[in-house]
Amino acid sequence: SFIETYASKNTAKNMEAYLTDNFSPSQLKKQ
């Protein structure tokens, strides 16, 4: 859902950084 919503208006590098920082299994488990 995040990719569908924001990928077209952001760089691949920034998208990947955000996805890794916020949606990794360990991060989601913590949340």
PDB file of all heavy atoms in Angstrom:
ATOM      1  N   SER A   1       0.827  -1.211   0.000  1.00  0.00           N
ATOM      2  CA  SER A   1       0.000   0.000   0.000  1.00  0.00           C
ATOM      3  C   SER A   1       0.861   1.262   0.000  1.00  0.00           C
ATOM      4  O   SER A   1       0.530   2.244  -0.668  1.00  0.00           O
ATOM      5  CB  SER A   1      -0.977  -0.007   1.174  1.00  0.00           C
ATOM      6  OG  SER A   1      -0.305  -0.085   2.404  1.00  0.00           O
ATOM      7  N   PHE A   2       1.979   1.252   0.709  1.00  0.00           N
ATOM      8  CA  PHE A   2       2.859   2.419   0.744  1.00  0.00           C
ATOM      9  C   PHE A   2       3.474   2.655  -0.635  1.00  0.00           C
ATOM     10  O   PHE A   2       3.530   3.799  -1.111  1.00  0.00           O
ATOM     11  CB  PHE A   2       3.947   2.251   1.812  1.00  0.00           C
ATOM     12  CG  PHE A   2       4.613   3.541   2.174  1.00  0.00           C
ATOM     13  CD1 PHE A   2       4.057   4.387   3.119  1.00  0.00           C
ATOM     14  CD2 PHE A   2       5.799   3.922   1.568  1.00  0.00           C
ATOM     15  CE1 PHE A   2       4.672   5.592   3.450  1.00  0.00           C
ATOM     16  CE2 PHE A   2       6.420   5.118   1.895  1.00  0.00           C
ATOM     17  CZ  PHE A   2       5.855   5.956   2.828  1.00  0.00           C
ATOM     18  N   ILE A   3       3.911   1.598  -1.281  1.00  0.00           N
ATOM     19  CA  ILE A   3       4.494   1.714  -2.628  1.00  0.00           C
ATOM     20  C   ILE A   3       3.445   2.248  -3.604  1.00  0.00           C
ATOM     21  O   ILE A   3       3.724   3.166  -4.379  1.00  0.00           O
ATOM     22  CB  ILE A   3       5.070   0.363  -3.089  1.00  0.00           C
ATOM     23  CG1 ILE A   3       6.339   0.043  -2.284  1.00  0.00           C
ATOM     24  CG2 ILE A   3       5.359   0.366  -4.589  1.00  0.00           C
ATOM     25  CD1 ILE A   3       6.815  -1.395  -2.421  1.00  0.00           C
ATOM     26  N   GLU A   4       2.254   1.679  -3.572  1.00  0.00           N
ATOM     27  CA  GLU A   4       1.198   2.150  -4.473  1.00  0.00           C
ATOM     28  C   GLU A   4       0.898   3.637  -4.268  1.00  0.00           C
ATOM     29  O   GLU A   4       0.657   4.362  -5.223  1.00  0.00           O
ATOM     30  CB  GLU A   4      -0.102   1.365  -4.248  1.00  0.00           C
ATOM     31  CG  GLU A   4      -0.117  -0.002  -4.850  1.00  0.00           C
ATOM     32  CD  GLU A   4      -1.464  -0.695  -4.699  1.00  0.00           C
ATOM     33  OE1 GLU A   4      -2.430  -0.109  -4.127  1.00  0.00           O
ATOM     34  OE2 GLU A   4      -1.567  -1.827  -5.164  1.00  0.00           O
ATOM     35  N   THR A   5       0.922   4.075  -3.030  1.00  0.00           N
ATOM     36  CA  THR A   5       0.549   5.446  -2.702  1.00  0.00           C
ATOM     37  C   THR A   5       1.655   6.448  -3.016  1.00  0.00           C
ATOM     38  O   THR A   5       1.376   7.545  -3.497  1.00  0.00           O
ATOM     39  CB  THR A   5       0.153   5.549  -1.212  1.00  0.00           C
ATOM     40  OG1 THR A   5      -0.885   4.608  -0.944  1.00  0.00           O
ATOM     41  CG2 THR A   5      -0.330   6.949  -0.853  1.00  0.00           C
ATOM     42  N   TYR A   6       2.921   6.089  -2.779  1.00  0.00           N
ATOM     43  CA  TYR A   6       3.984   7.091  -2.815  1.00  0.00           C
ATOM     44  C   TYR A   6       5.116   6.876  -3.805  1.00  0.00           C
ATOM     45  O   TYR A   6       5.895   7.806  -4.033  1.00  0.00           O
ATOM     46  CB  TYR A   6       4.588   7.243  -1.409  1.00  0.00           C
ATOM     47  CG  TYR A   6       3.579   7.671  -0.394  1.00  0.00           C
ATOM     48  CD1 TYR A   6       3.176   6.813   0.622  1.00  0.00           C
ATOM     49  CD2 TYR A   6       2.985   8.933  -0.444  1.00  0.00           C
ATOM     50  CE1 TYR A   6       2.232   7.209   1.562  1.00  0.00           C
ATOM     51  CE2 TYR A   6       2.036   9.329   0.482  1.00  0.00           C
ATOM     52  CZ  TYR A   6       1.664   8.460   1.480  1.00  0.00           C
ATOM     53  OH  TYR A   6       0.725   8.849   2.399  1.00  0.00           O
ATOM     54  N   ALA A   7       5.260   5.716  -4.387  1.00  0.00           N
ATOM     55  CA  ALA A   7       6.424   5.439  -5.238  1.00  0.00           C
ATOM     56  C   ALA A   7       6.529   6.386  -6.428  1.00  0.00           C
ATOM     57  O   ALA A   7       7.637   6.782  -6.811  1.00  0.00           O
ATOM     58  CB  ALA A   7       6.418   3.990  -5.707  1.00  0.00           C
ATOM     59  N   SER A   8       5.410   6.770  -7.002  1.00  0.00           N
ATOM     60  CA  SER A   8       5.453   7.610  -8.208  1.00  0.00           C
ATOM     61  C   SER A   8       5.964   9.025  -7.936  1.00  0.00           C
ATOM     62  O   SER A   8       6.397   9.714  -8.860  1.00  0.00           O
ATOM     63  CB  SER A   8       4.077   7.671  -8.871  1.00  0.00           C
ATOM     64  OG  SER A   8       3.164   8.370  -8.044  1.00  0.00           O
ATOM     65  N   LYS A   9       5.959   9.459  -6.684  1.00  0.00           N
ATOM     66  CA  LYS A   9       6.371  10.825  -6.363  1.00  0.00           C
ATOM     67  C   LYS A   9       7.635  10.889  -5.517  1.00  0.00           C
ATOM     68  O   LYS A   9       7.971  11.944  -4.978  1.00  0.00           O
ATOM     69  CB  LYS A   9       5.235  11.560  -5.644  1.00  0.00           C
ATOM     70  CG  LYS A   9       4.029  11.781  -6.534  1.00  0.00           C
ATOM     71  CD  LYS A   9       3.037  12.682  -5.865  1.00  0.00           C
ATOM     72  CE  LYS A   9       1.899  12.967  -6.820  1.00  0.00           C
ATOM     73  NZ  LYS A   9       0.984  13.982  -6.309  1.00  0.00           N
ATOM     74  N   ASN A  10       8.323   9.743  -5.369  1.00  0.00           N
ATOM     75  CA  ASN A  10       9.535   9.700  -4.556  1.00  0.00           C
ATOM     76  C   ASN A  10      10.593   8.844  -5.236  1.00  0.00           C
ATOM     77  O   ASN A  10      10.270   7.999  -6.067  1.00  0.00           O
ATOM     78  CB  ASN A  10       9.210   9.129  -3.165  1.00  0.00           C
ATOM     79  CG  ASN A  10       8.359  10.073  -2.351  1.00  0.00           C
ATOM     80  OD1 ASN A  10       8.859  11.059  -1.826  1.00  0.00           O
ATOM     81  ND2 ASN A  10       7.065   9.796  -2.260  1.00  0.00           N
ATOM     82  N   THR A  11      11.845   9.053  -4.836  1.00  0.00           N
ATOM     83  CA  THR A  11      12.924   8.264  -5.437  1.00  0.00           C
ATOM     84  C   THR A  11      12.899   6.833  -4.909  1.00  0.00           C
ATOM     85  O   THR A  11      12.444   6.584  -3.784  1.00  0.00           O
ATOM     86  CB  THR A  11      14.306   8.873  -5.127  1.00  0.00           C
ATOM     87  OG1 THR A  11      14.553   8.745  -3.715  1.00  0.00           O
ATOM     88  CG2 THR A  11      14.401  10.332  -5.564  1.00  0.00           C
ATOM     89  N   ALA A  12      13.394   5.924  -5.712  1.00  0.00           N
ATOM     90  CA  ALA A  12      13.474   4.518  -5.299  1.00  0.00           C
ATOM     91  C   ALA A  12      14.338   4.379  -4.046  1.00  0.00           C
ATOM     92  O   ALA A  12      14.023   3.592  -3.152  1.00  0.00           O
ATOM     93  CB  ALA A  12      14.026   3.666  -6.435  1.00  0.00           C
ATOM     94  N   LYS A  13      15.408   5.152  -3.967  1.00  0.00           N
ATOM     95  CA  LYS A  13      16.312   5.086  -2.809  1.00  0.00           C
ATOM     96  C   LYS A  13      15.587   5.509  -1.523  1.00  0.00           C
ATOM     97  O   LYS A  13      15.707   4.850  -0.487  1.00  0.00           O
ATOM     98  CB  LYS A  13      17.531   5.976  -3.055  1.00  0.00           C
ATOM     99  CG  LYS A  13      18.561   5.926  -1.960  1.00  0.00           C
ATOM    100  CD  LYS A  13      19.764   6.789  -2.300  1.00  0.00           C
ATOM    101  CE  LYS A  13      20.785   6.730  -1.177  1.00  0.00           C
ATOM    102  NZ  LYS A  13      21.940   7.572  -1.440  1.00  0.00           N
ATOM    103  N   ASN A  14      14.833   6.607  -1.578  1.00  0.00           N
ATOM    104  CA  ASN A  14      14.102   7.068  -0.394  1.00  0.00           C
ATOM    105  C   ASN A  14      12.986   6.103  -0.014  1.00  0.00           C
ATOM    106  O   ASN A  14      12.737   5.866   1.167  1.00  0.00           O
ATOM    107  CB  ASN A  14      13.545   8.472  -0.612  1.00  0.00           C
ATOM    108  CG  ASN A  14      14.615   9.534  -0.469  1.00  0.00           C
ATOM    109  OD1 ASN A  14      15.637   9.334   0.172  1.00  0.00           O
ATOM    110  ND2 ASN A  14      14.393  10.681  -1.086  1.00  0.00           N
ATOM    111  N   MET A  15      12.327   5.545  -1.023  1.00  0.00           N
ATOM    112  CA  MET A  15      11.272   4.561  -0.747  1.00  0.00           C
ATOM    113  C   MET A  15      11.865   3.339  -0.052  1.00  0.00           C
ATOM    114  O   MET A  15      11.329   2.870   0.954  1.00  0.00           O
ATOM    115  CB  MET A  15      10.565   4.153  -2.042  1.00  0.00           C
ATOM    116  CG  MET A  15       9.657   5.219  -2.622  1.00  0.00           C
ATOM    117  SD  MET A  15       8.205   5.588  -1.611  1.00  0.00           S
ATOM    118  CE  MET A  15       7.315   4.042  -1.716  1.00  0.00           C
ATOM    119  N   GLU A  16      12.945   2.830  -0.581  1.00  0.00           N
ATOM    120  CA  GLU A  16      13.571   1.634  -0.006  1.00  0.00           C
ATOM    121  C   GLU A  16      14.021   1.891   1.432  1.00  0.00           C
ATOM    122  O   GLU A  16      13.828   1.060   2.315  1.00  0.00           O
ATOM    123  CB  GLU A  16      14.746   1.168  -0.864  1.00  0.00           C
ATOM    124  CG  GLU A  16      15.363  -0.136  -0.407  1.00  0.00           C
ATOM    125  CD  GLU A  16      14.374  -1.303  -0.349  1.00  0.00           C
ATOM    126  OE1 GLU A  16      13.496  -1.405  -1.220  1.00  0.00           O
ATOM    127  OE2 GLU A  16      14.487  -2.120   0.597  1.00  0.00           O
ATOM    128  N   ALA A  17      14.592   3.056   1.677  1.00  0.00           N
ATOM    129  CA  ALA A  17      15.043   3.395   3.033  1.00  0.00           C
ATOM    130  C   ALA A  17      13.848   3.420   3.994  1.00  0.00           C
ATOM    131  O   ALA A  17      13.923   2.870   5.100  1.00  0.00           O
ATOM    132  CB  ALA A  17      15.756   4.748   3.032  1.00  0.00           C
ATOM    133  N   TYR A  18      12.752   4.030   3.569  1.00  0.00           N
ATOM    134  CA  TYR A  18      11.585   4.107   4.438  1.00  0.00           C
ATOM    135  C   TYR A  18      10.987   2.722   4.690  1.00  0.00           C
ATOM    136  O   TYR A  18      10.654   2.376   5.827  1.00  0.00           O
ATOM    137  CB  TYR A  18      10.517   5.050   3.845  1.00  0.00           C
ATOM    138  CG  TYR A  18       9.393   5.276   4.815  1.00  0.00           C
ATOM    139  CD1 TYR A  18       9.502   6.253   5.808  1.00  0.00           C
ATOM    140  CD2 TYR A  18       8.245   4.495   4.786  1.00  0.00           C
ATOM    141  CE1 TYR A  18       8.493   6.444   6.728  1.00  0.00           C
ATOM    142  CE2 TYR A  18       7.218   4.689   5.707  1.00  0.00           C
ATOM    143  CZ  TYR A  18       7.355   5.659   6.672  1.00  0.00           C
ATOM    144  OH  TYR A  18       6.355   5.834   7.596  1.00  0.00           O
ATOM    145  N   LEU A  19      10.850   1.934   3.636  1.00  0.00           N
ATOM    146  CA  LEU A  19      10.280   0.588   3.779  1.00  0.00           C
ATOM    147  C   LEU A  19      11.129  -0.262   4.728  1.00  0.00           C
ATOM    148  O   LEU A  19      10.595  -0.968   5.582  1.00  0.00           O
ATOM    149  CB  LEU A  19      10.160  -0.096   2.415  1.00  0.00           C
ATOM    150  CG  LEU A  19       9.154   0.530   1.442  1.00  0.00           C
ATOM    151  CD1 LEU A  19       9.274  -0.124   0.070  1.00  0.00           C
ATOM    152  CD2 LEU A  19       7.742   0.437   1.958  1.00  0.00           C
ATOM    153  N   THR A  20      12.438  -0.177   4.581  1.00  0.00           N
ATOM    154  CA  THR A  20      13.344  -0.953   5.433  1.00  0.00           C
ATOM    155  C   THR A  20      13.265  -0.502   6.889  1.00  0.00           C
ATOM    156  O   THR A  20      13.199  -1.328   7.797  1.00  0.00           O
ATOM    157  CB  THR A  20      14.794  -0.824   4.921  1.00  0.00           C
ATOM    158  OG1 THR A  20      14.845  -1.332   3.581  1.00  0.00           O
ATOM    159  CG2 THR A  20      15.764  -1.603   5.794  1.00  0.00           C
ATOM    160  N   ASP A  21      13.238   0.804   7.092  1.00  0.00           N
ATOM    161  CA  ASP A  21      13.216   1.340   8.460  1.00  0.00           C
ATOM    162  C   ASP A  21      11.885   1.121   9.179  1.00  0.00           C
ATOM    163  O   ASP A  21      11.859   1.009  10.398  1.00  0.00           O
ATOM    164  CB  ASP A  21      13.507   2.849   8.453  1.00  0.00           C
ATOM    165  CG  ASP A  21      14.946   3.168   8.107  1.00  0.00           C
ATOM    166  OD1 ASP A  21      15.785   2.252   8.103  1.00  0.00           O
ATOM    167  OD2 ASP A  21      15.224   4.349   7.829  1.00  0.00           O
ATOM    168  N   ASN A  22      10.789   1.084   8.436  1.00  0.00           N
ATOM    169  CA  ASN A  22       9.475   1.089   9.075  1.00  0.00           C
ATOM    170  C   ASN A  22       8.657  -0.181   8.931  1.00  0.00           C
ATOM    171  O   ASN A  22       7.762  -0.421   9.734  1.00  0.00           O
ATOM    172  CB  ASN A  22       8.658   2.273   8.543  1.00  0.00           C
ATOM    173  CG  ASN A  22       9.229   3.576   9.006  1.00  0.00           C
ATOM    174  OD1 ASN A  22       8.964   4.005  10.118  1.00  0.00           O
ATOM    175  ND2 ASN A  22      10.056   4.198   8.171  1.00  0.00           N
ATOM    176  N   PHE A  23       8.925  -0.987   7.903  1.00  0.00           N
ATOM    177  CA  PHE A  23       8.069  -2.137   7.635  1.00  0.00           C
ATOM    178  C   PHE A  23       8.808  -3.466   7.642  1.00  0.00           C
ATOM    179  O   PHE A  23       8.314  -4.453   7.095  1.00  0.00           O
ATOM    180  CB  PHE A  23       7.336  -1.950   6.293  1.00  0.00           C
ATOM    181  CG  PHE A  23       6.455  -0.731   6.250  1.00  0.00           C
ATOM    182  CD1 PHE A  23       6.446   0.082   5.135  1.00  0.00           C
ATOM    183  CD2 PHE A  23       5.624  -0.395   7.310  1.00  0.00           C
ATOM    184  CE1 PHE A  23       5.625   1.207   5.079  1.00  0.00           C
ATOM    185  CE2 PHE A  23       4.805   0.729   7.262  1.00  0.00           C
ATOM    186  CZ  PHE A  23       4.812   1.524   6.137  1.00  0.00           C
ATOM    187  N   SER A  24       9.956  -3.519   8.266  1.00  0.00           N
ATOM    188  CA  SER A  24      10.651  -4.804   8.412  1.00  0.00           C
ATOM    189  C   SER A  24       9.904  -5.636   9.456  1.00  0.00           C
ATOM    190  O   SER A  24       9.215  -5.075  10.324  1.00  0.00           O
ATOM    191  CB  SER A  24      12.090  -4.586   8.874  1.00  0.00           C
ATOM    192  OG  SER A  24      12.096  -4.068  10.200  1.00  0.00           O
ATOM    193  N   PRO A  25      10.010  -6.965   9.393  1.00  0.00           N
ATOM    194  CA  PRO A  25       9.335  -7.787  10.411  1.00  0.00           C
ATOM    195  C   PRO A  25       9.722  -7.396  11.844  1.00  0.00           C
ATOM    196  O   PRO A  25       8.855  -7.341  12.713  1.00  0.00           O
ATOM    197  CB  PRO A  25       9.778  -9.209  10.069  1.00  0.00           C
ATOM    198  CG  PRO A  25      10.063  -9.162   8.597  1.00  0.00           C
ATOM    199  CD  PRO A  25      10.640  -7.786   8.355  1.00  0.00           C
ATOM    200  N   SER A  26      11.000  -7.094  12.068  1.00  0.00           N
ATOM    201  CA  SER A  26      11.422  -6.748  13.441  1.00  0.00           C
ATOM    202  C   SER A  26      10.803  -5.424  13.888  1.00  0.00           C
ATOM    203  O   SER A  26      10.371  -5.292  15.034  1.00  0.00           O
ATOM    204  CB  SER A  26      12.945  -6.693  13.546  1.00  0.00           C
ATOM    205  OG  SER A  26      13.465  -5.692  12.708  1.00  0.00           O
ATOM    206  N   GLN A  27      10.730  -4.453  12.994  1.00  0.00           N
ATOM    207  CA  GLN A  27      10.133  -3.167  13.340  1.00  0.00           C
ATOM    208  C   GLN A  27       8.623  -3.315  13.578  1.00  0.00           C
ATOM    209  O   GLN A  27       8.081  -2.764  14.544  1.00  0.00           O
ATOM    210  CB  GLN A  27      10.403  -2.149  12.232  1.00  0.00           C
ATOM    211  CG  GLN A  27       9.858  -0.773  12.520  1.00  0.00           C
ATOM    212  CD  GLN A  27      10.491  -0.100  13.717  1.00  0.00           C
ATOM    213  OE1 GLN A  27      10.162  -0.407  14.862  1.00  0.00           O
ATOM    214  NE2 GLN A  27      11.387   0.824  13.467  1.00  0.00           N
ATOM    215  N   LEU A  28       7.941  -4.062  12.724  1.00  0.00           N
ATOM    216  CA  LEU A  28       6.502  -4.269  12.897  1.00  0.00           C
ATOM    217  C   LEU A  28       6.209  -5.050  14.176  1.00  0.00           C
ATOM    218  O   LEU A  28       5.254  -4.751  14.886  1.00  0.00           O
ATOM    219  CB  LEU A  28       5.909  -4.970  11.671  1.00  0.00           C
ATOM    220  CG  LEU A  28       5.877  -4.115  10.400  1.00  0.00           C
ATOM    221  CD1 LEU A  28       5.481  -4.963   9.209  1.00  0.00           C
ATOM    222  CD2 LEU A  28       4.954  -2.918  10.550  1.00  0.00           C
ATOM    223  N   LYS A  29       7.054  -6.020  14.485  1.00  0.00           N
ATOM    224  CA  LYS A  29       6.883  -6.797  15.720  1.00  0.00           C
ATOM    225  C   LYS A  29       7.000  -5.880  16.938  1.00  0.00           C
ATOM    226  O   LYS A  29       6.201  -5.972  17.878  1.00  0.00           O
ATOM    227  CB  LYS A  29       7.931  -7.914  15.786  1.00  0.00           C
ATOM    228  CG  LYS A  29       7.800  -8.799  16.988  1.00  0.00           C
ATOM    229  CD  LYS A  29       8.834  -9.917  16.968  1.00  0.00           C
ATOM    230  CE  LYS A  29       8.677 -10.808  18.185  1.00  0.00           C
ATOM    231  NZ  LYS A  29       9.658 -11.886  18.224  1.00  0.00           N
ATOM    232  N   LYS A  30       7.981  -4.992  16.903  1.00  0.00           N
ATOM    233  CA  LYS A  30       8.171  -4.032  17.992  1.00  0.00           C
ATOM    234  C   LYS A  30       6.926  -3.149  18.151  1.00  0.00           C
ATOM    235  O   LYS A  30       6.459  -2.906  19.264  1.00  0.00           O
ATOM    236  CB  LYS A  30       9.413  -3.184  17.684  1.00  0.00           C
ATOM    237  CG  LYS A  30       9.849  -2.264  18.793  1.00  0.00           C
ATOM    238  CD  LYS A  30      11.215  -1.699  18.477  1.00  0.00           C
ATOM    239  CE  LYS A  30      11.098  -0.224  18.298  1.00  0.00           C
ATOM    240  NZ  LYS A  30      12.339   0.453  17.965  1.00  0.00           N
ATOM    241  N   GLN A  31       6.358  -2.709  17.015  1.00  0.00           N
ATOM    242  CA  GLN A  31       5.172  -1.855  17.063  1.00  0.00           C
ATOM    243  C   GLN A  31       3.948  -2.626  17.574  1.00  0.00           C
ATOM    244  O   GLN A  31       3.170  -2.087  18.360  1.00  0.00           O
ATOM    245  CB  GLN A  31       4.889  -1.274  15.678  1.00  0.00           C
ATOM    246  CG  GLN A  31       5.957  -0.285  15.223  1.00  0.00           C
ATOM    247  CD  GLN A  31       5.746   0.167  13.800  1.00  0.00           C
ATOM    248  OE1 GLN A  31       4.623   0.437  13.384  1.00  0.00           O
ATOM    249  NE2 GLN A  31       6.825   0.248  13.037  1.00  0.00           N
TER     250      GLN A  31
END
